[in-house]
Amino acid sequence: KWRGRDGLLEMPFAMGPATGAFTNAFFAWMHERGALSERFAAWDFRTLPARLLAGEIPDEAIETLQAETAAFLAGIGAVEAVETAIARRLLLAPIATIRDLVESPHLAARDFWETSADADGREITLPGPLARTEVPAFAGPRPAPAKGEHSDEVLNDWLGGPDAERAPVRPAKAGGALAGLKVLDLAWVVAGPM
């Protein structure tokens, strides 16, 4: 997290074969602007982990690189960060505050915000669907339920009703239903764990 001209920015020092190129592109931008020392201009963040493990990079160098990055990003605003990230394929983004979201021209243009009434009948503004589809795929906003308001409905739905017969639970056979299944995991960075 870095202090930008008009708020916080996110820009990780991503390293390794999968993500180091993004960091290389960021430091190339800094170098073009004259904000990066020559000693760092040749660093390749795709191979940097091996150099760090080998002890080739002193702590002082990382601290200096962080200081140069902080000084550079202090002059970068949120709009420039987004435009540059898109144009240069950077892992750089502003960290939005609640006010930023509420006043976002992008979210306004998408008609993202929807109104509903709370339990007391007051009108409230809530986030709308994360995507627009031809056939409605997301439930509209609802106020938070009162404690226990939907308990019976939810339990009946989960358990198949109060009098439903339930099939006995059986342990899976060795290999089971997934035997021979190949899995393509498209998770990326934090997307999988999240």
C-alpha atoms as a PDB file:
ATOM      1  CA  LYS A   1       0.000   0.000   0.000  1.00  0.00           C
ATOM      2  CA  TRP A   2       1.432   3.363  -1.033  1.00  0.00           C
ATOM      3  CA  ARG A   3       0.336   6.947  -0.423  1.00  0.00           C
ATOM      4  CA  GLY A   4      -0.646   8.479  -3.783  1.00  0.00           C
ATOM      5  CA  ARG A   5      -1.405  12.099  -4.617  1.00  0.00           C
ATOM      6  CA  ASP A   6      -5.087  11.753  -3.714  1.00  0.00           C
ATOM      7  CA  GLY A   7      -5.343   8.537  -1.716  1.00  0.00           C
ATOM      8  CA  LEU A   8      -3.891   5.088  -1.245  1.00  0.00           C
ATOM      9  CA  LEU A   9      -2.599   2.958  -4.117  1.00  0.00           C
ATOM     10  CA  GLU A  10      -1.986  -0.783  -4.268  1.00  0.00           C
ATOM     11  CA  MET A  11       1.158  -1.902  -6.103  1.00  0.00           C
ATOM     12  CA  PRO A  12       2.849  -5.110  -4.981  1.00  0.00           C
ATOM     13  CA  PHE A  13       6.461  -6.003  -5.663  1.00  0.00           C
ATOM     14  CA  ALA A  14       5.227  -9.124  -7.472  1.00  0.00           C
ATOM     15  CA  MET A  15       8.035 -11.564  -8.226  1.00  0.00           C
ATOM     16  CA  GLY A  16       8.643 -14.831 -10.013  1.00  0.00           C
ATOM     17  CA  PRO A  17       7.857 -16.173 -13.466  1.00  0.00           C
ATOM     18  CA  ALA A  18       4.084 -15.668 -13.207  1.00  0.00           C
ATOM     19  CA  THR A  19       3.919 -12.076 -11.965  1.00  0.00           C
ATOM     20  CA  GLY A  20       7.382 -10.531 -12.134  1.00  0.00           C
ATOM     21  CA  ALA A  21       6.750  -9.078 -15.596  1.00  0.00           C
ATOM     22  CA  PHE A  22       4.092  -6.769 -14.134  1.00  0.00           C
ATOM     23  CA  THR A  23       6.621  -5.354 -11.675  1.00  0.00           C
ATOM     24  CA  ASN A  24       9.207  -5.046 -14.447  1.00  0.00           C
ATOM     25  CA  ALA A  25       6.695  -2.977 -16.431  1.00  0.00           C
ATOM     26  CA  PHE A  26       6.038  -0.744 -13.419  1.00  0.00           C
ATOM     27  CA  PHE A  27       9.743  -0.056 -12.872  1.00  0.00           C
ATOM     28  CA  ALA A  28      10.229   0.566 -16.610  1.00  0.00           C
ATOM     29  CA  TRP A  29       7.599   3.318 -16.282  1.00  0.00           C
ATOM     30  CA  MET A  30       9.396   4.759 -13.256  1.00  0.00           C
ATOM     31  CA  HIS A  31      12.705   4.631 -15.139  1.00  0.00           C
ATOM     32  CA  GLU A  32      11.208   6.449 -18.154  1.00  0.00           C
ATOM     33  CA  ARG A  33      10.076   9.198 -15.780  1.00  0.00           C
ATOM     34  CA  GLY A  34      13.579   9.453 -14.269  1.00  0.00           C
ATOM     35  CA  ALA A  35      12.338   8.243 -10.874  1.00  0.00           C
ATOM     36  CA  LEU A  36      14.316   4.986 -10.650  1.00  0.00           C
ATOM     37  CA  SER A  37      18.014   4.640  -9.880  1.00  0.00           C
ATOM     38  CA  GLU A  38      20.057   2.974 -12.605  1.00  0.00           C
ATOM     39  CA  ARG A  39      21.007   0.168 -10.201  1.00  0.00           C
ATOM     40  CA  PHE A  40      17.379  -1.019 -10.180  1.00  0.00           C
ATOM     41  CA  ALA A  41      16.607  -0.479 -13.867  1.00  0.00           C
ATOM     42  CA  ALA A  42      18.160  -3.820 -14.840  1.00  0.00           C
ATOM     43  CA  TRP A  43      16.482  -5.879 -12.113  1.00  0.00           C
ATOM     44  CA  ASP A  44      14.265  -8.636 -13.460  1.00  0.00           C
ATOM     45  CA  PHE A  45      11.514  -9.413 -10.971  1.00  0.00           C
ATOM     46  CA  ARG A  46      10.818 -12.711 -12.756  1.00  0.00           C
ATOM     47  CA  THR A  47      14.189 -14.019 -11.502  1.00  0.00           C
ATOM     48  CA  LEU A  48      14.576 -11.869  -8.385  1.00  0.00           C
ATOM     49  CA  PRO A  49      13.436 -14.547  -5.883  1.00  0.00           C
ATOM     50  CA  ALA A  50      16.502 -16.689  -6.656  1.00  0.00           C
ATOM     51  CA  ARG A  51      18.784 -13.681  -6.193  1.00  0.00           C
ATOM     52  CA  LEU A  52      17.149 -12.863  -2.862  1.00  0.00           C
ATOM     53  CA  LEU A  53      17.527 -16.459  -1.658  1.00  0.00           C
ATOM     54  CA  ALA A  54      21.184 -16.457  -2.723  1.00  0.00           C
ATOM     55  CA  GLY A  55      21.796 -13.341  -0.610  1.00  0.00           C
ATOM     56  CA  GLU A  56      22.793 -11.250  -3.637  1.00  0.00           C
ATOM     57  CA  ILE A  57      20.424  -8.419  -2.726  1.00  0.00           C
ATOM     58  CA  PRO A  58      21.136  -6.560   0.521  1.00  0.00           C
ATOM     59  CA  ASP A  59      18.274  -5.283   2.686  1.00  0.00           C
ATOM     60  CA  GLU A  60      19.529  -1.750   2.060  1.00  0.00           C
ATOM     61  CA  ALA A  61      18.800  -2.140  -1.665  1.00  0.00           C
ATOM     62  CA  ILE A  62      15.187  -3.193  -1.033  1.00  0.00           C
ATOM     63  CA  GLU A  63      14.733  -0.295   1.405  1.00  0.00           C
ATOM     64  CA  THR A  64      16.100   2.154  -1.186  1.00  0.00           C
ATOM     65  CA  LEU A  65      13.821   0.702  -3.872  1.00  0.00           C
ATOM     66  CA  GLN A  66      10.840   1.060  -1.535  1.00  0.00           C
ATOM     67  CA  ALA A  67      11.771   4.686  -0.815  1.00  0.00           C
ATOM     68  CA  GLU A  68      12.070   5.496  -4.534  1.00  0.00           C
ATOM     69  CA  THR A  69       8.742   3.781  -5.206  1.00  0.00           C
ATOM     70  CA  ALA A  70       7.054   5.709  -2.385  1.00  0.00           C
ATOM     71  CA  ALA A  71       8.429   9.030  -3.671  1.00  0.00           C
ATOM     72  CA  PHE A  72       7.275   8.263  -7.214  1.00  0.00           C
ATOM     73  CA  LEU A  73       3.784   7.094  -6.270  1.00  0.00           C
ATOM     74  CA  ALA A  74       3.277  10.118  -3.998  1.00  0.00           C
ATOM     75  CA  GLY A  75       2.855  12.136  -7.195  1.00  0.00           C
ATOM     76  CA  ILE A  76       0.467   9.712  -8.908  1.00  0.00           C
ATOM     77  CA  GLY A  77      -3.283  10.262  -8.630  1.00  0.00           C
ATOM     78  CA  ALA A  78      -6.015   7.635  -8.787  1.00  0.00           C
ATOM     79  CA  VAL A  79      -7.112   8.447 -12.350  1.00  0.00           C
ATOM     80  CA  GLU A  80      -3.547   8.351 -13.688  1.00  0.00           C
ATOM     81  CA  ALA A  81      -2.934   5.093 -11.816  1.00  0.00           C
ATOM     82  CA  VAL A  82      -5.914   3.403 -13.471  1.00  0.00           C
ATOM     83  CA  GLU A  83      -5.192   4.752 -16.952  1.00  0.00           C
ATOM     84  CA  THR A  84      -1.515   3.803 -16.752  1.00  0.00           C
ATOM     85  CA  ALA A  85      -2.261   0.374 -15.292  1.00  0.00           C
ATOM     86  CA  ILE A  86      -4.580  -0.381 -18.200  1.00  0.00           C
ATOM     87  CA  ALA A  87      -2.226   0.992 -20.842  1.00  0.00           C
ATOM     88  CA  ARG A  88       0.910  -0.688 -19.454  1.00  0.00           C
ATOM     89  CA  ARG A  89      -0.600  -3.809 -17.863  1.00  0.00           C
ATOM     90  CA  LEU A  90       0.477  -2.923 -14.330  1.00  0.00           C
ATOM     91  CA  LEU A  91      -0.653  -4.346 -11.009  1.00  0.00           C
ATOM     92  CA  LEU A  92      -1.465  -0.826  -9.836  1.00  0.00           C
ATOM     93  CA  ALA A  93      -4.835   0.366  -8.582  1.00  0.00           C
ATOM     94  CA  PRO A  94      -6.278   3.005  -6.299  1.00  0.00           C
ATOM     95  CA  ILE A  95      -7.768   1.771  -3.048  1.00  0.00           C
ATOM     96  CA  ALA A  96     -11.280   3.169  -3.023  1.00  0.00           C
ATOM     97  CA  THR A  97     -12.905   4.646   0.047  1.00  0.00           C
ATOM     98  CA  ILE A  98     -16.654   4.378   0.595  1.00  0.00           C
ATOM     99  CA  ARG A  99     -16.962   7.978  -0.648  1.00  0.00           C
ATOM    100  CA  ASP A 100     -14.970   7.066  -3.793  1.00  0.00           C
ATOM    101  CA  LEU A 101     -17.410   4.239  -4.508  1.00  0.00           C
ATOM    102  CA  VAL A 102     -20.533   6.307  -3.866  1.00  0.00           C
ATOM    103  CA  GLU A 103     -19.232   9.145  -6.081  1.00  0.00           C
ATOM    104  CA  SER A 104     -17.769   6.874  -8.783  1.00  0.00           C
ATOM    105  CA  PRO A 105     -18.751   8.017 -12.298  1.00  0.00           C
ATOM    106  CA  HIS A 106     -18.203   4.439 -13.488  1.00  0.00           C
ATOM    107  CA  LEU A 107     -20.658   2.962 -10.979  1.00  0.00           C
ATOM    108  CA  ALA A 108     -23.150   5.759 -11.706  1.00  0.00           C
ATOM    109  CA  ALA A 109     -22.901   5.079 -15.468  1.00  0.00           C
ATOM    110  CA  ARG A 110     -23.591   1.376 -14.762  1.00  0.00           C
ATOM    111  CA  ASP A 111     -26.656   2.216 -12.641  1.00  0.00           C
ATOM    112  CA  PHE A 112     -24.989   0.149  -9.945  1.00  0.00           C
ATOM    113  CA  TRP A 113     -26.734   1.645  -6.931  1.00  0.00           C
ATOM    114  CA  GLU A 114     -30.278   0.549  -6.094  1.00  0.00           C
ATOM    115  CA  THR A 115     -32.694   1.722  -3.457  1.00  0.00           C
ATOM    116  CA  SER A 116     -34.680  -0.371  -1.034  1.00  0.00           C
ATOM    117  CA  ALA A 117     -36.453   0.157   2.244  1.00  0.00           C
ATOM    118  CA  ASP A 118     -35.019  -0.960   5.557  1.00  0.00           C
ATOM    119  CA  ALA A 119     -37.031  -2.788   8.230  1.00  0.00           C
ATOM    120  CA  ASP A 120     -38.385   0.572   9.440  1.00  0.00           C
ATOM    121  CA  GLY A 121     -39.451   1.651   5.937  1.00  0.00           C
ATOM    122  CA  ARG A 122     -36.621   4.168   5.440  1.00  0.00           C
ATOM    123  CA  GLU A 123     -35.177   4.366   1.930  1.00  0.00           C
ATOM    124  CA  ILE A 124     -31.593   3.113   1.747  1.00  0.00           C
ATOM    125  CA  THR A 125     -29.088   2.869  -1.094  1.00  0.00           C
ATOM    126  CA  LEU A 126     -27.472  -0.521  -1.629  1.00  0.00           C
ATOM    127  CA  PRO A 127     -25.007  -2.010  -4.123  1.00  0.00           C
ATOM    128  CA  GLY A 128     -26.725  -3.611  -7.099  1.00  0.00           C
ATOM    129  CA  PRO A 129     -25.711  -6.682  -9.093  1.00  0.00           C
ATOM    130  CA  LEU A 130     -22.036  -7.142  -9.873  1.00  0.00           C
ATOM    131  CA  ALA A 131     -22.922  -7.784 -13.534  1.00  0.00           C
ATOM    132  CA  ARG A 132     -25.820  -7.061 -15.866  1.00  0.00           C
ATOM    133  CA  THR A 133     -27.203 -10.013 -17.793  1.00  0.00           C
ATOM    134  CA  GLU A 134     -29.978 -10.428 -20.380  1.00  0.00           C
ATOM    135  CA  VAL A 135     -31.834 -12.721 -18.014  1.00  0.00           C
ATOM    136  CA  PRO A 136     -31.753 -11.465 -14.415  1.00  0.00           C
ATOM    137  CA  ALA A 137     -29.211 -13.623 -12.591  1.00  0.00           C
ATOM    138  CA  PHE A 138     -28.865 -11.782  -9.291  1.00  0.00           C
ATOM    139  CA  ALA A 139     -31.384 -11.097  -6.563  1.00  0.00           C
ATOM    140  CA  GLY A 140     -32.211  -7.447  -5.999  1.00  0.00           C
ATOM    141  CA  PRO A 141     -31.186  -5.698  -2.816  1.00  0.00           C
ATOM    142  CA  ARG A 142     -33.131  -6.439   0.321  1.00  0.00           C
ATOM    143  CA  PRO A 143     -32.726  -4.950   3.745  1.00  0.00           C
ATOM    144  CA  ALA A 144     -31.064  -7.050   6.412  1.00  0.00           C
ATOM    145  CA  PRO A 145     -33.672  -9.357   7.947  1.00  0.00           C
ATOM    146  CA  ALA A 146     -34.733  -9.103  11.535  1.00  0.00           C
ATOM    147  CA  LYS A 147     -33.265 -11.796  13.793  1.00  0.00           C
ATOM    148  CA  GLY A 148     -34.934 -15.123  12.990  1.00  0.00           C
ATOM    149  CA  GLU A 149     -37.166 -13.596  10.286  1.00  0.00           C
ATOM    150  CA  HIS A 150     -36.297 -16.217   7.658  1.00  0.00           C
ATOM    151  CA  SER A 151     -34.999 -19.075   9.818  1.00  0.00           C
ATOM    152  CA  ASP A 152     -37.833 -21.528   9.037  1.00  0.00           C
ATOM    153  CA  GLU A 153     -37.703 -20.744   5.315  1.00  0.00           C
ATOM    154  CA  VAL A 154     -33.940 -21.231   5.133  1.00  0.00           C
ATOM    155  CA  LEU A 155     -33.888 -24.394   7.221  1.00  0.00           C
ATOM    156  CA  ASN A 156     -36.740 -25.927   5.213  1.00  0.00           C
ATOM    157  CA  ASP A 157     -34.947 -25.095   1.992  1.00  0.00           C
ATOM    158  CA  TRP A 158     -31.654 -26.580   3.207  1.00  0.00           C
ATOM    159  CA  LEU A 159     -33.151 -29.631   4.825  1.00  0.00           C
ATOM    160  CA  GLY A 160     -35.940 -30.338   2.336  1.00  0.00           C
ATOM    161  CA  GLY A 161     -38.838 -29.435   4.643  1.00  0.00           C
ATOM    162  CA  PRO A 162     -39.744 -30.632   8.111  1.00  0.00           C
ATOM    163  CA  ASP A 163     -41.203 -33.996   6.956  1.00  0.00           C
ATOM    164  CA  ALA A 164     -38.945 -34.753   3.981  1.00  0.00           C
ATOM    165  CA  GLU A 165     -37.334 -38.157   3.773  1.00  0.00           C
ATOM    166  CA  ARG A 166     -33.598 -37.921   3.647  1.00  0.00           C
ATOM    167  CA  ALA A 167     -31.344 -40.393   1.910  1.00  0.00           C
ATOM    168  CA  PRO A 168     -28.747 -41.847   4.256  1.00  0.00           C
ATOM    169  CA  VAL A 169     -25.287 -40.374   3.937  1.00  0.00           C
ATOM    170  CA  ARG A 170     -22.805 -42.939   2.612  1.00  0.00           C
ATOM    171  CA  PRO A 171     -19.051 -42.566   2.505  1.00  0.00           C
ATOM    172  CA  ALA A 172     -17.601 -42.224  -0.982  1.00  0.00           C
ATOM    173  CA  LYS A 173     -15.929 -45.234  -2.531  1.00  0.00           C
ATOM    174  CA  ALA A 174     -12.184 -45.101  -3.096  1.00  0.00           C
ATOM    175  CA  GLY A 175     -11.782 -42.930  -6.172  1.00  0.00           C
ATOM    176  CA  GLY A 176     -15.491 -42.188  -5.999  1.00  0.00           C
ATOM    177  CA  ALA A 177     -17.418 -40.015  -8.403  1.00  0.00           C
ATOM    178  CA  LEU A 178     -14.376 -37.882  -9.161  1.00  0.00           C
ATOM    179  CA  ALA A 179     -12.123 -40.777 -10.225  1.00  0.00           C
ATOM    180  CA  GLY A 180     -10.378 -39.929 -13.485  1.00  0.00           C
ATOM    181  CA  LEU A 181     -11.555 -36.324 -13.373  1.00  0.00           C
ATOM    182  CA  LYS A 182      -9.038 -33.753 -14.571  1.00  0.00           C
ATOM    183  CA  VAL A 183      -9.208 -30.330 -12.943  1.00  0.00           C
ATOM    184  CA  LEU A 184      -8.140 -27.075 -14.567  1.00  0.00           C
ATOM    185  CA  ASP A 185      -7.510 -24.584 -11.765  1.00  0.00           C
ATOM    186  CA  LEU A 186      -7.645 -21.017 -13.080  1.00  0.00           C
ATOM    187  CA  ALA A 187      -7.136 -19.419  -9.673  1.00  0.00           C
ATOM    188  CA  TRP A 188      -4.651 -16.567  -9.701  1.00  0.00           C
ATOM    189  CA  VAL A 189      -2.744 -14.979  -6.774  1.00  0.00           C
ATOM    190  CA  VAL A 190      -5.423 -14.479  -4.080  1.00  0.00           C
ATOM    191  CA  ALA A 191      -8.419 -15.520  -6.214  1.00  0.00           C
ATOM    192  CA  GLY A 192      -8.085 -19.188  -5.274  1.00  0.00           C
ATOM    193  CA  PRO A 193      -7.643 -18.782  -1.516  1.00  0.00           C
ATOM    194  CA  MET A 194     -10.371 -16.135  -1.365  1.00  0.00           C
END
